Amino acid sequence: TEHREALRAIVAEHGSVLVRGLGLRDAGEVGAVFRRLTTGLMTEKEAFAPRHAYSDGVYSSTKWPANQQMCMHHELSYRLEFPGLMLFVCLTAPTKGGATSVADSAVVLDSLPVELVERFERHGWLLTRTYNDEIGASYAEAFGTDDRSAVESYCRSNAIEFEWQPDNGLRTRQRRSAIIRHPVTGQRCWFNQIAFLNEWTLAPEIREYLVDIYGADGLPFNTWFGNGDPIGEDVVELLNEVYEANTAREPWQSGDLMLVDNIRTAHSREPFEGPREVVVALAEGVNLADCSPTVEMGRP
């Protein structure tokens, strides 16, 4: 509590900070630290993969295969309200890999081709999701209920098109801005999950398997230009190359704490070996409407 303002000032200046040597040992202790460092923790909605909840607002890291890269992204950047601050604590460090890496989103934006930036600024980006009970989060896990009317009400309130499938699955579409302004500094930031949730970021064998099982239009998630045009493999490769060129990484040590400005800074999770337990919190919700979105949130 004594150092809260100093830590938050470092995050405001640099976009993230790693604090080493706290010796944090369990999720209860971590939750108390998270609450002292923030003005309020958020309940996750529209998750793309399951998490375990230790307590209100205190979660495990996303369940994602250990051998697969979790590419750079901004948490819940497809929501109308998203966390302004991410908090991470490593309780158990992996034996190899597994860093939560970071990249400055303003620098990434400045490093992208002007014509590509202008296209995304003009059209935004589109996220399509097909919820099922086999891959990723089910719609009940994502929306916190299996009540269809409650899911429909949430979608209507959050500019999400929805369509129920014959197999009781759910398909959704939502258009969002790819570039926003930081609500405090006004800085233009590349803020989205275009590369991470695109089919071309998947390992080739996984993509082929999913297309074979669900069809090209039934992938658990995919991203598009905001007018519905497909995003080519070359664009996804370029985005990931720019992220990699601007990535900072530090291997976790058990007990580490990291604070990340979710708008200013993208984060990723690298493949790892051995056990890895990272506790996460999403905090201090920000409304997209307060970040100068460049497109309307409705139908493309």
Protein backbone atom coordinates (compact mmCIF):
# COMPACT_ATOMS: atom_id res chain seq x y z
CA THR A 1 0.00 0.00 0.00
CA GLU A 2 2.85 2.37 0.88
CA HIS A 3 4.38 2.03 -2.61
CA ARG A 4 1.15 1.91 -4.61
CA GLU A 5 1.40 5.40 -6.07
CA ALA A 6 5.08 4.97 -6.96
CA LEU A 7 4.37 1.70 -8.74
CA ARG A 8 1.41 3.15 -10.60
CA ALA A 9 3.56 6.13 -11.67
CA ILE A 10 6.13 3.74 -13.18
CA VAL A 11 3.37 1.92 -15.07
CA ALA A 12 2.03 5.26 -16.34
CA GLU A 13 5.50 6.24 -17.60
CA HIS A 14 6.76 2.93 -19.01
CA GLY A 15 3.63 0.81 -19.58
CA SER A 16 4.61 -2.02 -17.23
CA VAL A 17 6.73 -2.86 -14.20
CA LEU A 18 8.12 -6.09 -12.74
CA VAL A 19 8.61 -6.25 -8.97
CA ARG A 20 10.95 -9.00 -7.76
CA GLY A 21 11.61 -10.22 -4.25
CA LEU A 22 8.15 -10.06 -2.66
CA GLY A 23 8.05 -13.80 -2.00
CA LEU A 24 4.31 -14.10 -2.66
CA ARG A 25 3.25 -17.68 -1.92
CA ASP A 26 -0.47 -18.32 -2.41
CA ALA A 27 -3.54 -17.00 -4.20
CA GLY A 28 -5.10 -15.58 -1.03
CA GLU A 29 -2.03 -13.45 -0.33
CA VAL A 30 -1.91 -12.41 -4.00
CA GLY A 31 -5.56 -11.34 -3.97
CA ALA A 32 -4.91 -9.07 -0.99
CA VAL A 33 -1.98 -7.46 -2.84
CA PHE A 34 -4.06 -6.98 -6.00
CA ARG A 35 -6.81 -5.20 -4.06
CA ARG A 36 -4.33 -2.86 -2.37
CA LEU A 37 -2.83 -1.87 -5.72
CA THR A 38 -6.08 -1.11 -7.58
CA THR A 39 -9.36 0.72 -7.27
CA GLY A 40 -11.37 -2.37 -8.20
CA LEU A 41 -11.06 -5.83 -9.75
CA MET A 42 -13.23 -6.90 -12.69
CA THR A 43 -15.24 -10.05 -13.34
CA GLU A 44 -14.18 -11.52 -16.68
CA LYS A 45 -16.84 -11.74 -19.40
CA GLU A 46 -16.47 -12.99 -23.00
CA ALA A 47 -13.40 -15.08 -22.16
CA PHE A 48 -11.97 -16.98 -25.15
CA ALA A 49 -10.64 -19.82 -22.96
CA PRO A 50 -11.46 -21.05 -19.45
CA ARG A 51 -9.81 -19.84 -16.25
CA HIS A 52 -10.02 -21.02 -12.66
CA ALA A 53 -11.37 -18.42 -10.22
CA TYR A 54 -9.50 -18.39 -6.90
CA SER A 55 -11.80 -15.70 -5.53
CA ASP A 56 -13.81 -12.74 -6.87
CA GLY A 57 -11.67 -11.08 -9.55
CA VAL A 58 -8.62 -13.33 -8.93
CA TYR A 59 -8.02 -15.92 -11.66
CA SER A 60 -5.60 -18.47 -12.96
CA SER A 61 -3.86 -17.70 -16.23
CA THR A 62 -5.82 -18.76 -19.32
CA LYS A 63 -5.77 -22.48 -19.99
CA TRP A 64 -3.74 -22.70 -23.20
CA PRO A 65 -1.50 -25.57 -24.37
CA ALA A 66 1.96 -25.29 -22.81
CA ASN A 67 3.70 -25.94 -26.13
CA GLN A 68 1.76 -23.21 -27.97
CA GLN A 69 2.69 -19.53 -28.12
CA MET A 70 -0.01 -17.20 -26.82
CA CYS A 71 0.64 -14.24 -29.12
CA MET A 72 0.69 -10.57 -28.21
CA HIS A 73 -2.72 -9.13 -27.38
CA HIS A 74 -4.58 -6.64 -25.23
CA GLU A 75 -6.86 -8.38 -22.76
CA LEU A 76 -10.56 -8.30 -23.72
CA SER A 77 -9.92 -5.66 -26.39
CA TYR A 78 -13.06 -6.90 -28.16
CA ARG A 79 -15.31 -5.78 -25.28
CA LEU A 80 -17.00 -2.41 -24.87
CA GLU A 81 -15.52 -2.31 -21.35
CA PHE A 82 -12.06 -3.75 -20.84
CA PRO A 83 -9.43 -3.70 -18.08
CA GLY A 84 -7.18 -0.67 -17.94
CA LEU A 85 -4.71 -2.57 -15.76
CA MET A 86 -3.54 -6.19 -15.72
CA LEU A 87 -1.84 -7.72 -12.68
CA PHE A 88 0.18 -10.95 -12.69
CA VAL A 89 1.91 -12.90 -9.93
CA CYS A 90 4.02 -15.99 -10.54
CA LEU A 91 3.58 -18.54 -7.75
CA THR A 92 5.44 -21.34 -9.55
CA ALA A 93 7.97 -20.53 -12.26
CA PRO A 94 8.34 -23.02 -15.14
CA THR A 95 11.61 -24.86 -15.65
CA LYS A 96 11.93 -23.40 -19.15
CA GLY A 97 10.21 -20.58 -21.08
CA GLY A 98 6.77 -19.31 -20.10
CA ALA A 99 7.60 -15.61 -19.82
CA THR A 100 4.76 -13.08 -19.89
CA SER A 101 6.36 -10.79 -22.47
CA VAL A 102 5.31 -7.20 -23.22
CA ALA A 103 5.33 -4.82 -26.19
CA ASP A 104 4.66 -1.06 -26.33
CA SER A 105 1.49 -0.63 -28.41
CA ALA A 106 2.31 2.94 -29.49
CA VAL A 107 5.70 1.79 -30.81
CA VAL A 108 4.05 -1.17 -32.55
CA LEU A 109 1.56 1.19 -34.21
CA ASP A 110 4.35 3.46 -35.45
CA SER A 111 6.19 0.42 -36.86
CA LEU A 112 3.30 -0.82 -39.02
CA PRO A 113 2.86 0.18 -42.69
CA VAL A 114 0.85 3.38 -43.01
CA GLU A 115 -1.58 1.95 -45.57
CA LEU A 116 -2.40 -1.03 -43.31
CA VAL A 117 -2.93 1.24 -40.32
CA GLU A 118 -5.23 3.49 -42.36
CA ARG A 119 -7.26 0.49 -43.51
CA PHE A 120 -7.77 -0.75 -39.94
CA GLU A 121 -8.45 2.80 -38.75
CA ARG A 122 -11.13 3.17 -41.43
CA HIS A 123 -12.82 -0.23 -41.02
CA GLY A 124 -11.80 -1.47 -37.57
CA TRP A 125 -11.60 -5.21 -36.97
CA LEU A 126 -14.21 -7.93 -36.75
CA LEU A 127 -14.16 -10.87 -34.34
CA THR A 128 -16.24 -13.94 -35.14
CA ARG A 129 -16.74 -16.68 -32.55
CA THR A 130 -18.40 -20.08 -32.66
CA TYR A 131 -18.99 -21.34 -29.15
CA ASN A 132 -19.11 -25.08 -28.50
CA ASP A 133 -18.40 -27.38 -25.55
CA GLU A 134 -15.19 -28.81 -27.00
CA ILE A 135 -12.79 -25.98 -27.93
CA GLY A 136 -12.19 -22.83 -25.89
CA ALA A 137 -14.74 -21.37 -23.50
CA SER A 138 -18.36 -22.47 -23.88
CA TYR A 139 -20.93 -19.69 -24.13
CA ALA A 140 -21.98 -20.45 -20.53
CA GLU A 141 -18.36 -19.94 -19.38
CA ALA A 142 -17.90 -16.83 -21.53
CA PHE A 143 -21.11 -15.09 -20.49
CA GLY A 144 -21.42 -16.49 -16.97
CA THR A 145 -24.81 -18.11 -17.64
CA ASP A 146 -26.46 -20.79 -19.76
CA ASP A 147 -29.73 -18.82 -19.87
CA ARG A 148 -30.25 -18.03 -23.55
CA SER A 149 -32.33 -14.93 -22.87
CA ALA A 150 -29.62 -13.53 -20.58
CA VAL A 151 -26.96 -14.21 -23.23
CA GLU A 152 -29.09 -12.52 -25.89
CA SER A 153 -29.68 -9.51 -23.63
CA TYR A 154 -25.94 -9.19 -23.00
CA CYS A 155 -25.18 -9.38 -26.71
CA ARG A 156 -27.74 -6.72 -27.60
CA SER A 157 -26.36 -4.41 -24.89
CA ASN A 158 -22.79 -4.90 -26.09
CA ALA A 159 -23.10 -4.51 -29.87
CA ILE A 160 -22.66 -8.24 -30.55
CA GLU A 161 -24.58 -9.92 -33.36
CA PHE A 162 -25.61 -13.47 -32.43
CA GLU A 163 -27.12 -16.54 -34.06
CA TRP A 164 -28.06 -19.80 -32.36
CA GLN A 165 -27.00 -22.95 -34.19
CA PRO A 166 -29.01 -26.18 -34.67
CA ASP A 167 -26.57 -28.04 -32.40
CA ASN A 168 -27.28 -25.57 -29.54
CA GLY A 169 -24.05 -23.71 -30.27
CA LEU A 170 -23.77 -19.94 -30.61
CA ARG A 171 -22.11 -17.81 -33.27
CA THR A 172 -21.31 -14.14 -32.69
CA ARG A 173 -19.83 -11.19 -34.60
CA GLN A 174 -18.57 -7.95 -33.13
CA ARG A 175 -16.79 -5.02 -34.75
CA ARG A 176 -14.35 -2.92 -32.75
CA SER A 177 -11.73 -0.22 -33.29
CA ALA A 178 -8.21 -1.48 -33.97
CA ILE A 179 -6.65 1.81 -32.88
CA ILE A 180 -7.73 3.84 -29.86
CA ARG A 181 -6.42 6.73 -27.78
CA HIS A 182 -5.27 6.20 -24.22
CA PRO A 183 -7.95 7.83 -22.02
CA VAL A 184 -5.33 9.51 -19.79
CA THR A 185 -2.48 10.44 -22.14
CA GLY A 186 -4.34 10.65 -25.46
CA GLN A 187 -1.60 8.53 -27.05
CA ARG A 188 -2.66 6.53 -30.15
CA CYS A 189 -2.28 2.81 -29.46
CA TRP A 190 -2.58 -0.36 -31.53
CA PHE A 191 -5.22 -2.08 -29.37
CA ASN A 192 -6.79 -5.35 -30.50
CA GLN A 193 -6.44 -9.12 -30.76
CA ILE A 194 -6.32 -9.25 -34.56
CA ALA A 195 -3.26 -11.49 -34.83
CA PHE A 196 -3.77 -13.59 -31.72
CA LEU A 197 -7.33 -14.71 -32.54
CA ASN A 198 -6.77 -15.12 -36.28
CA GLU A 199 -6.76 -18.56 -37.90
CA TRP A 200 -3.28 -18.00 -39.38
CA THR A 201 -1.69 -17.65 -35.94
CA LEU A 202 -2.71 -21.23 -35.11
CA ALA A 203 -0.14 -23.95 -35.69
CA PRO A 204 -0.78 -25.35 -39.21
CA GLU A 205 -1.75 -28.81 -37.98
CA ILE A 206 -4.20 -27.34 -35.44
CA ARG A 207 -5.75 -25.04 -38.03
CA GLU A 208 -6.17 -27.90 -40.50
CA TYR A 209 -7.76 -30.09 -37.82
CA LEU A 210 -10.23 -27.37 -36.76
CA VAL A 211 -11.19 -26.55 -40.37
CA ASP A 212 -11.70 -30.27 -41.05
CA ILE A 213 -13.92 -30.69 -37.97
CA TYR A 214 -15.85 -27.40 -37.91
CA GLY A 215 -15.46 -25.97 -41.43
CA ALA A 216 -13.80 -22.70 -42.41
CA ASP A 217 -16.81 -20.70 -41.16
CA GLY A 218 -17.11 -22.57 -37.88
CA LEU A 219 -13.73 -21.94 -36.27
CA PRO A 220 -13.92 -21.21 -32.53
CA PHE A 221 -12.59 -17.71 -33.25
CA ASN A 222 -11.28 -15.73 -36.20
CA THR A 223 -10.62 -12.10 -37.10
CA TRP A 224 -11.36 -10.05 -40.20
CA PHE A 225 -11.08 -6.51 -41.46
CA GLY A 226 -14.02 -4.59 -40.03
CA ASN A 227 -15.86 -4.58 -43.38
CA GLY A 228 -15.78 -8.39 -43.47
CA ASP A 229 -12.80 -8.83 -45.81
CA PRO A 230 -10.52 -11.73 -44.84
CA ILE A 231 -7.16 -10.98 -43.24
CA GLY A 232 -4.43 -12.78 -45.17
CA GLU A 233 -1.67 -14.90 -43.71
CA ASP A 234 0.83 -12.25 -44.86
CA VAL A 235 -0.84 -9.58 -42.70
CA VAL A 236 -0.86 -11.83 -39.63
CA GLU A 237 2.81 -12.70 -40.16
CA LEU A 238 3.67 -9.00 -40.45
CA LEU A 239 1.81 -8.14 -37.25
CA ASN A 240 3.55 -10.89 -35.31
CA GLU A 241 6.95 -9.88 -36.74
CA VAL A 242 6.44 -6.28 -35.62
CA TYR A 243 5.37 -7.47 -32.17
CA GLU A 244 8.45 -9.70 -31.90
CA ALA A 245 10.77 -6.87 -32.95
CA ASN A 246 9.39 -4.76 -30.09
CA THR A 247 9.10 -7.43 -27.39
CA ALA A 248 10.68 -7.25 -23.94
CA ARG A 249 10.85 -10.46 -21.91
CA GLU A 250 12.10 -11.47 -18.48
CA PRO A 251 11.79 -15.07 -17.24
CA TRP A 252 9.47 -15.45 -14.26
CA GLN A 253 10.82 -16.17 -10.80
CA SER A 254 8.47 -17.50 -8.14
CA GLY A 255 7.00 -14.62 -6.13
CA ASP A 256 7.30 -12.01 -8.92
CA LEU A 257 4.60 -9.36 -9.41
CA MET A 258 3.98 -7.57 -12.72
CA LEU A 259 1.64 -4.65 -13.46
CA VAL A 260 0.74 -3.89 -17.08
CA ASP A 261 -1.17 -0.96 -18.58
CA ASN A 262 -3.52 -2.97 -20.80
CA ILE A 263 -3.96 -0.17 -23.36
CA ARG A 264 -0.38 1.04 -23.61
CA THR A 265 1.15 -2.45 -23.47
CA ALA A 266 0.34 -5.75 -25.18
CA HIS A 267 1.32 -9.00 -23.47
CA SER A 268 1.88 -12.61 -24.47
CA ARG A 269 2.68 -15.97 -22.92
CA GLU A 270 5.57 -17.96 -24.34
CA PRO A 271 5.69 -21.78 -24.57
CA PHE A 272 7.04 -23.50 -21.47
CA GLU A 273 8.11 -26.73 -19.85
CA GLY A 274 7.39 -27.87 -16.32
CA PRO A 275 4.73 -26.59 -13.91
CA ARG A 276 3.69 -22.94 -14.19
CA GLU A 277 1.21 -21.16 -11.94
CA VAL A 278 0.49 -17.50 -12.61
CA VAL A 279 -2.34 -15.67 -10.85
CA VAL A 280 -4.06 -12.89 -12.80
CA ALA A 281 -6.41 -9.99 -12.13
CA LEU A 282 -8.20 -7.62 -14.51
CA ALA A 283 -8.71 -4.21 -12.94
CA GLU A 284 -10.01 -0.67 -13.41
CA GLY A 285 -12.47 -1.00 -16.27
CA VAL A 286 -12.25 1.43 -19.19
CA ASN A 287 -15.08 2.16 -21.61
CA LEU A 288 -14.23 2.00 -25.30
CA ALA A 289 -16.39 5.09 -25.85
CA ASP A 290 -13.88 7.07 -23.76
CA CYS A 291 -10.97 6.08 -26.03
CA SER A 292 -11.89 7.87 -29.29
CA PRO A 293 -12.95 4.77 -31.29
CA THR A 294 -12.62 5.21 -35.05
CA VAL A 295 -15.58 3.02 -36.09
CA GLU A 296 -19.12 2.48 -34.91
CA MET A 297 -19.57 -0.72 -32.94
CA GLY A 298 -22.56 -2.02 -34.90
CA ARG A 299 -22.86 -3.98 -38.11
CA PRO A 300 -20.01 -3.54 -40.65
